[in-house]
């Protein structure tokens, strides 16, 4: 009986991995022929509704964890699969000149990992006596960080404008070249560029006026406007000009909360040391 059960389990496992492999192959084939999913179609409020539907699905999976699929989503196999998917996605996107972050493969892999992570967090919260707080902080921080990037991606909007010293504008251009009114004016008061001996740009700093408020922009040091809008200086065409990039990312603060929770959980873990759960 035990031998028959072992053979049956092995057969089920092979069948499961065969299905996963076929799904992965189909997604990769589709991605070679399509440009990617237009995620702007899922901008607020549709992305919030889909996120709530996903949470309801996760709750349903938790209550049906005794089923074949529910059990798999809480298994060590799913953990290794999630880890492998994120490694592969990271390597592939990192080697692409223009990362296809909206491909079906990337979206499916991220959603699978997010679902698995949420399910094991629920299980850990119920079972992890004595380490519940740090376990929750670590895992919920990771869920918020990954979830904000995933569900908030449709609301992320990037436009650019090129300004000459003394010029002001409220018109910027999207990656498709469409002109947009950003709702406020930016004036370039001054721009200082530094170049190396080969004439390559090494540093750039600009003084700008954003709706009457003076700000200094430098590489990786943006100005903030409103909720989730950051204004960067990214490049220049020639001395006296600057390219200003405006990124509207309303889910950015949720990512920040996730990072804080992740760091807090890690600090608690290192400070308190390992502690076995009881029972």
Protein backbone atom coordinates (compact mmCIF):
# COMPACT_ATOMS: atom_id res chain seq x y z
CA UNK A 1 0.00 0.00 0.00
CA UNK A 2 2.82 2.39 0.91
CA UNK A 3 4.61 1.59 -2.36
CA UNK A 4 1.44 2.23 -4.37
CA UNK A 5 0.92 5.51 -2.53
CA UNK A 6 4.53 6.52 -3.25
CA UNK A 7 4.15 5.73 -6.96
CA UNK A 8 0.87 7.65 -7.08
CA UNK A 9 2.47 10.66 -5.41
CA UNK A 10 5.44 10.57 -7.79
CA UNK A 11 3.10 10.35 -10.77
CA UNK A 12 1.03 13.30 -9.52
CA UNK A 13 4.19 15.34 -8.99
CA UNK A 14 5.47 14.60 -12.51
CA UNK A 15 2.07 15.47 -13.94
CA UNK A 16 2.04 18.74 -12.00
CA UNK A 17 5.49 19.79 -13.19
CA UNK A 18 4.60 18.83 -16.74
CA UNK A 19 1.61 21.18 -16.62
CA UNK A 20 3.77 23.96 -15.14
CA UNK A 21 6.38 23.47 -17.86
CA UNK A 22 3.75 23.59 -20.61
CA UNK A 23 2.23 26.79 -19.18
CA UNK A 24 5.70 28.37 -18.98
CA UNK A 25 6.52 27.38 -22.56
CA UNK A 26 3.21 28.76 -23.87
CA UNK A 27 3.79 32.08 -22.08
CA UNK A 28 7.32 32.38 -23.50
CA UNK A 29 6.06 31.63 -27.01
CA UNK A 30 3.31 34.25 -26.68
CA UNK A 31 5.85 36.81 -25.41
CA UNK A 32 8.00 36.32 -28.51
CA UNK A 33 5.14 37.43 -30.73
CA UNK A 34 3.50 40.20 -28.71
CA UNK A 35 5.01 43.45 -27.45
CA UNK A 36 3.60 43.08 -23.96
CA UNK A 37 0.47 43.85 -21.99
CA UNK A 38 -0.73 47.45 -22.05
CA UNK A 39 -0.93 47.82 -18.28
CA UNK A 40 -2.27 51.38 -18.54
CA UNK A 41 -5.64 49.75 -19.27
CA UNK A 42 -5.62 48.55 -15.65
CA UNK A 43 -4.98 51.95 -14.06
CA UNK A 44 -6.94 53.16 -11.01
CA UNK A 45 -9.57 52.17 -10.03
CA UNK A 46 -9.45 48.90 -12.01
CA UNK A 47 -6.12 47.83 -10.49
CA UNK A 48 -7.52 48.33 -6.98
CA UNK A 49 -10.59 46.25 -7.83
CA UNK A 50 -8.36 43.51 -9.28
CA UNK A 51 -6.17 43.60 -6.16
CA UNK A 52 -9.26 43.12 -3.97
CA UNK A 53 -10.38 40.25 -6.21
CA UNK A 54 -6.92 38.71 -5.87
CA UNK A 55 -7.10 38.99 -2.06
CA UNK A 56 -10.48 37.24 -2.13
CA UNK A 57 -8.93 34.50 -4.27
CA UNK A 58 -6.05 34.11 -1.79
CA UNK A 59 -8.56 33.79 1.05
CA UNK A 60 -10.43 31.17 -0.94
CA UNK A 61 -7.20 29.24 -1.58
CA UNK A 62 -6.40 29.33 2.13
CA UNK A 63 -9.77 27.86 3.02
CA UNK A 64 -9.26 25.20 0.33
CA UNK A 65 -5.67 24.42 1.29
CA UNK A 66 -6.62 20.76 1.60
CA UNK A 67 -7.23 20.52 -2.16
CA UNK A 68 -4.51 19.57 -4.64
CA UNK A 69 -3.93 23.11 -5.93
CA UNK A 70 -4.32 24.76 -2.53
CA UNK A 71 -1.87 22.30 -1.00
CA UNK A 72 0.65 22.89 -3.79
CA UNK A 73 0.53 26.68 -3.26
CA UNK A 74 1.60 26.12 0.36
CA UNK A 75 4.22 23.48 -0.41
CA UNK A 76 8.01 23.61 -0.47
CA UNK A 77 7.75 22.96 -4.23
CA UNK A 78 5.92 26.27 -4.66
CA UNK A 79 8.57 28.03 -2.58
CA UNK A 80 11.38 26.73 -4.79
CA UNK A 81 9.37 27.53 -7.90
CA UNK A 82 8.76 31.10 -6.71
CA UNK A 83 12.43 31.55 -5.92
CA UNK A 84 13.48 30.14 -9.30
CA UNK A 85 10.97 32.32 -11.16
CA UNK A 86 12.18 35.50 -9.48
CA UNK A 87 15.82 34.61 -10.19
CA UNK A 88 15.09 33.91 -13.85
CA UNK A 89 12.97 37.06 -14.22
CA UNK A 90 15.70 39.15 -12.61
CA UNK A 91 18.41 37.71 -14.87
CA UNK A 92 16.36 38.02 -18.06
CA UNK A 93 15.21 41.60 -17.35
CA UNK A 94 18.72 42.57 -16.28
CA UNK A 95 20.20 41.43 -19.58
CA UNK A 96 17.60 43.13 -21.80
CA UNK A 97 18.39 46.55 -23.25
CA UNK A 98 14.70 47.43 -22.88
CA UNK A 99 13.31 45.19 -20.09
CA UNK A 100 9.92 43.70 -20.98
CA UNK A 101 8.44 44.13 -17.52
CA UNK A 102 4.91 43.93 -18.92
CA UNK A 103 5.34 40.56 -20.63
CA UNK A 104 2.86 37.82 -19.74
CA UNK A 105 5.69 35.67 -18.36
CA UNK A 106 6.85 38.35 -15.92
CA UNK A 107 3.28 39.21 -14.84
CA UNK A 108 2.38 35.54 -14.27
CA UNK A 109 5.62 34.80 -12.38
CA UNK A 110 5.19 37.83 -10.12
CA UNK A 111 1.53 37.09 -9.40
CA UNK A 112 2.33 33.47 -8.58
CA UNK A 113 5.12 34.50 -6.20
CA UNK A 114 2.95 37.15 -4.56
CA UNK A 115 0.14 34.65 -4.03
CA UNK A 116 2.44 31.99 -2.59
CA UNK A 117 4.13 34.52 -0.30
CA UNK A 118 0.78 35.76 1.02
CA UNK A 119 -0.44 32.22 1.73
CA UNK A 120 2.68 31.21 3.65
CA UNK A 121 2.49 34.48 5.59
CA UNK A 122 -1.05 33.59 6.71
CA UNK A 123 0.13 30.12 7.70
CA UNK A 124 3.16 31.50 9.53
CA UNK A 125 1.07 34.03 11.44
CA UNK A 126 -1.16 31.24 12.69
CA UNK A 127 1.68 28.90 13.63
CA UNK A 128 4.72 31.03 14.48
CA UNK A 129 4.42 31.38 18.25
CA UNK A 130 7.12 33.54 19.82
CA UNK A 131 8.40 34.86 16.48
CA UNK A 132 5.09 36.12 15.18
CA UNK A 133 5.92 39.84 15.14
CA UNK A 134 9.24 39.59 13.29
CA UNK A 135 7.87 36.93 10.96
CA UNK A 136 4.91 39.17 10.10
CA UNK A 137 7.04 42.29 9.65
CA UNK A 138 9.47 40.51 7.33
CA UNK A 139 6.88 38.79 5.18
CA UNK A 140 4.27 41.56 5.09
CA UNK A 141 7.02 44.05 4.24
CA UNK A 142 8.04 41.88 1.31
CA UNK A 143 4.40 41.51 0.23
CA UNK A 144 3.86 45.28 0.34
CA UNK A 145 7.09 45.93 -1.56
CA UNK A 146 6.30 43.41 -4.27
CA UNK A 147 2.57 44.15 -4.33
CA UNK A 148 2.98 47.92 -4.60
CA UNK A 149 5.24 47.48 -7.60
CA UNK A 150 2.89 44.95 -9.20
CA UNK A 151 -0.53 46.51 -8.57
CA UNK A 152 0.77 50.09 -8.74
CA UNK A 153 2.58 49.69 -12.08
CA UNK A 154 -0.49 50.76 -14.16
CA UNK A 155 -0.60 54.07 -12.25
CA UNK A 156 3.09 54.85 -12.82
CA UNK A 157 3.43 57.60 -15.41
CA UNK A 158 6.65 59.06 -16.82
CA UNK A 159 7.02 62.18 -18.99
CA UNK A 160 9.97 64.38 -19.92
CA UNK A 161 10.61 67.94 -21.01
CA UNK A 162 13.75 69.64 -22.37
CA UNK A 163 14.33 73.15 -21.03
CA UNK A 164 16.81 75.88 -21.87
CA UNK A 165 18.12 78.19 -19.16
CA UNK A 166 15.40 80.74 -18.36
CA UNK A 167 12.69 78.72 -20.12
CA UNK A 168 9.52 77.57 -18.38
CA UNK A 169 6.87 75.08 -19.47
CA UNK A 170 3.96 72.98 -18.31
CA UNK A 171 4.07 70.68 -21.34
CA UNK A 172 5.95 67.39 -21.18
CA UNK A 173 6.14 64.41 -23.52
CA UNK A 174 5.45 60.72 -22.88
CA UNK A 175 7.60 57.89 -24.23
CA UNK A 176 5.24 57.67 -27.20
CA UNK A 177 5.85 61.34 -28.02
CA UNK A 178 2.43 62.59 -26.95
CA UNK A 179 2.34 66.08 -25.42
CA UNK A 180 0.75 66.37 -21.97
CA UNK A 181 -0.08 69.23 -19.65
CA UNK A 182 1.49 68.27 -16.30
CA UNK A 183 -0.68 70.70 -14.34
CA UNK A 184 2.15 72.90 -13.04
CA UNK A 185 5.02 74.93 -14.45
CA UNK A 186 8.73 74.19 -14.27
CA UNK A 187 11.30 76.90 -14.97
CA UNK A 188 15.00 76.19 -15.43
CA UNK A 189 16.85 78.98 -13.59
CA UNK A 190 20.36 77.63 -14.07
CA UNK A 191 22.16 74.45 -14.95
CA UNK A 192 25.75 73.45 -14.20
CA UNK A 193 27.37 70.53 -15.99
CA UNK A 194 30.73 68.92 -15.37
CA UNK A 195 32.58 66.82 -17.90
CA UNK A 196 35.59 64.55 -17.70
CA UNK A 197 38.73 64.83 -19.80
CA UNK A 198 37.05 62.86 -22.59
CA UNK A 199 34.16 65.33 -22.71
CA UNK A 200 31.64 62.94 -21.20
CA UNK A 201 29.04 64.25 -18.77
CA UNK A 202 30.10 63.42 -15.21
CA UNK A 203 27.71 65.55 -13.14
CA UNK A 204 24.75 67.86 -13.66
CA UNK A 205 22.92 70.13 -11.24
CA UNK A 206 20.02 72.46 -11.94
CA UNK A 207 18.17 75.18 -10.10
CA UNK A 208 14.48 75.04 -10.99
CA UNK A 209 11.34 76.85 -9.97
CA UNK A 210 8.33 74.56 -9.57
CA UNK A 211 5.11 76.53 -9.23
CA UNK A 212 7.00 79.40 -7.60
CA UNK A 213 9.06 77.18 -5.29
CA UNK A 214 12.84 76.96 -5.83
CA UNK A 215 14.45 73.53 -5.83
CA UNK A 216 17.83 72.04 -6.66
CA UNK A 217 17.94 68.94 -8.83
CA UNK A 218 20.90 66.63 -9.23
CA UNK A 219 21.31 63.03 -10.30
CA UNK A 220 19.37 60.74 -7.90
CA UNK A 221 18.24 63.76 -5.88
CA UNK A 222 14.76 64.67 -7.14
CA UNK A 223 12.26 67.27 -6.01
CA UNK A 224 8.81 66.22 -4.77
CA UNK A 225 5.55 67.66 -6.02
CA UNK A 226 2.22 66.61 -4.52
CA UNK A 227 1.46 62.99 -3.67
CA UNK A 228 3.86 60.53 -5.27
CA UNK A 229 5.23 62.87 -7.97
CA UNK A 230 8.99 63.22 -8.23
CA UNK A 231 10.94 65.50 -10.56
CA UNK A 232 14.40 64.40 -11.71
CA UNK A 233 17.15 65.80 -13.87
CA UNK A 234 18.35 62.98 -16.08
CA UNK A 235 20.57 64.34 -18.86
CA UNK A 236 21.36 67.29 -21.06
CA UNK A 237 21.64 67.91 -24.78
CA UNK A 238 24.33 70.55 -24.43
CA UNK A 239 25.46 73.13 -21.89
CA UNK A 240 22.60 75.39 -20.85
CA UNK A 241 19.94 72.74 -21.47
CA UNK A 242 18.51 70.10 -19.18
CA UNK A 243 16.13 67.18 -19.53
CA UNK A 244 13.59 67.08 -16.71
CA UNK A 245 11.78 63.82 -15.96
CA UNK A 246 8.49 63.81 -14.06
CA UNK A 247 7.48 60.48 -12.53
CA UNK A 248 4.02 60.12 -11.05
CA UNK A 249 4.09 57.06 -8.80
CA UNK A 250 1.24 57.19 -6.22
CA UNK A 251 2.00 53.70 -4.87
CA UNK A 252 5.57 54.74 -4.00
CA UNK A 253 4.73 55.36 -0.34
CA UNK A 254 3.29 51.87 0.06
CA UNK A 255 6.63 50.51 -1.18
CA UNK A 256 8.37 52.71 1.40
CA UNK A 257 6.19 51.24 4.18
CA UNK A 258 7.13 47.77 2.94
CA UNK A 259 10.85 48.60 3.09
CA UNK A 260 10.51 49.94 6.65
CA UNK A 261 8.64 46.80 7.77
CA UNK A 262 11.21 44.58 6.07
CA UNK A 263 14.11 46.36 7.78
CA UNK A 264 12.34 46.36 11.16
CA UNK A 265 11.71 42.61 10.91
CA UNK A 266 15.33 41.97 9.90
CA UNK A 267 16.66 44.05 12.81
CA UNK A 268 14.42 42.17 15.26
CA UNK A 269 15.51 38.86 13.79
CA UNK A 270 19.22 39.65 14.21
CA UNK A 271 18.76 41.29 17.62
CA UNK A 272 16.70 38.48 19.17
CA UNK A 273 18.39 35.60 17.34
CA UNK A 274 16.67 32.42 16.15
CA UNK A 275 13.80 31.15 18.25
CA UNK A 276 11.90 27.97 17.63
CA UNK A 277 8.13 28.02 17.54
CA UNK A 278 6.44 25.94 20.19
CA UNK A 279 3.83 23.31 19.72
